[in-house]
Amino acid sequence: MPRWLAHLLVVGGWLLTPVLAWGASYMGLWLGATAALRFTRPLTMLAVAALCAGGCGLGAIGLWVRFMRRLPHFLSHLMAPRAPEDPGAVAAAD
């Protein structure tokens, strides 16, 4: 894997973080609203929906940040070793 592609993947992953958080909180809100239909009091319904949205959003961010912090290490195993910059040093070593 070329180094520029690895750097692009890391930068793109960090730029996707807000989109991931928004999507996870939206999914959590939807699931929370579905679960809140079992309650009769409106404030209880809102609290359940908000707790589910916050839990899903924060959980997704926590997992994503953990993954993104380890991504450069994973990508380093896929990269080719760097070529020596000084060709004369390689010839002298032989």
Protein backbone atom coordinates (compact mmCIF):
# COMPACT_ATOMS: atom_id res chain seq x y z
CA MET A 1 0.00 0.00 0.00
CA PRO A 2 1.44 3.40 -0.92
CA ARG A 3 2.10 5.76 1.98
CA TRP A 4 -0.03 8.53 0.49
CA LEU A 5 -3.01 6.17 0.46
CA ALA A 6 -2.45 5.21 4.08
CA HIS A 7 -2.30 8.87 5.09
CA LEU A 8 -5.42 9.59 3.06
CA LEU A 9 -7.27 6.76 4.82
CA VAL A 10 -6.32 8.10 8.23
CA VAL A 11 -7.33 11.68 7.41
CA GLY A 12 -10.56 10.51 5.79
CA GLY A 13 -11.37 8.36 8.79
CA TRP A 14 -10.96 11.28 11.18
CA LEU A 15 -13.10 13.49 8.94
CA LEU A 16 -15.86 10.86 9.02
CA THR A 17 -16.04 10.97 12.83
CA PRO A 18 -18.86 13.56 13.08
CA VAL A 19 -20.91 11.73 10.44
CA LEU A 20 -20.52 8.48 12.35
CA ALA A 21 -21.53 10.13 15.63
CA TRP A 22 -24.58 11.72 14.04
CA GLY A 23 -25.68 8.45 12.43
CA ALA A 24 -25.22 6.47 15.63
CA SER A 25 -27.12 8.99 17.72
CA TYR A 26 -29.93 9.07 15.15
CA MET A 27 -30.15 5.28 15.21
CA GLY A 28 -30.13 5.35 19.03
CA LEU A 29 -32.87 7.97 19.05
CA TRP A 30 -34.99 5.86 16.73
CA LEU A 31 -34.47 2.75 18.85
CA GLY A 32 -35.12 4.73 22.02
CA ALA A 33 -38.32 6.20 20.62
CA THR A 34 -39.48 2.74 19.64
CA ALA A 35 -38.75 1.43 23.13
CA ALA A 36 -40.33 4.50 24.75
CA LEU A 37 -43.73 3.72 23.23
CA ARG A 38 -44.27 1.31 26.11
CA PHE A 39 -44.41 4.21 28.60
CA THR A 40 -47.38 6.50 29.18
CA ARG A 41 -45.71 9.66 30.49
CA PRO A 42 -44.23 11.94 27.79
CA LEU A 43 -41.22 13.00 29.89
CA THR A 44 -40.34 9.37 30.48
CA MET A 45 -40.57 8.74 26.75
CA LEU A 46 -38.26 11.68 26.01
CA ALA A 47 -35.79 10.60 28.68
CA VAL A 48 -35.62 7.04 27.34
CA ALA A 49 -35.14 8.27 23.77
CA ALA A 50 -32.47 10.77 24.82
CA LEU A 51 -30.59 8.19 26.89
CA CYS A 52 -30.59 5.72 24.02
CA ALA A 53 -29.42 8.41 21.57
CA GLY A 54 -26.64 9.57 23.89
CA GLY A 55 -25.55 6.03 24.69
CA CYS A 56 -25.37 4.98 21.06
CA GLY A 57 -23.62 8.19 20.00
CA LEU A 58 -21.02 8.08 22.76
CA GLY A 59 -20.50 4.34 22.35
CA ALA A 60 -19.93 4.68 18.62
CA ILE A 61 -17.52 7.60 19.13
CA GLY A 62 -15.60 5.63 21.75
CA LEU A 63 -15.21 2.61 19.48
CA TRP A 64 -14.38 4.76 16.44
CA VAL A 65 -11.70 6.77 18.23
CA ARG A 66 -10.19 3.56 19.59
CA PHE A 67 -10.12 2.13 16.06
CA MET A 68 -8.71 5.31 14.52
CA ARG A 69 -5.92 5.54 17.09
CA ARG A 70 -4.79 2.01 16.15
CA LEU A 71 -5.27 2.40 12.39
CA PRO A 72 -1.77 3.78 11.61
CA HIS A 73 -0.21 0.74 13.29
CA PHE A 74 -2.41 -1.63 11.27
CA LEU A 75 -1.64 0.22 8.04
CA SER A 76 2.09 0.18 8.73
CA HIS A 77 2.07 -3.60 8.36
CA LEU A 78 0.59 -3.25 4.88
CA MET A 79 3.07 -0.66 3.62
CA ALA A 80 6.16 -1.47 1.67
CA PRO A 81 9.45 -0.57 3.36
CA ARG A 82 10.87 2.80 2.44
CA ALA A 83 13.49 2.91 -0.26
CA PRO A 84 16.87 4.22 0.85
CA GLU A 85 17.32 7.87 -0.04
CA ASP A 86 21.05 7.74 -0.79
CA PRO A 87 21.87 5.20 -3.55
CA GLY A 88 25.59 5.57 -2.83
CA ALA A 89 25.13 4.28 0.71
CA VAL A 90 23.58 1.06 -0.62
CA ALA A 91 26.47 0.52 -3.05
CA ALA A 92 29.02 1.17 -0.30
CA ALA A 93 27.33 -1.37 1.95
CA ASP A 94 27.68 -4.09 -0.69
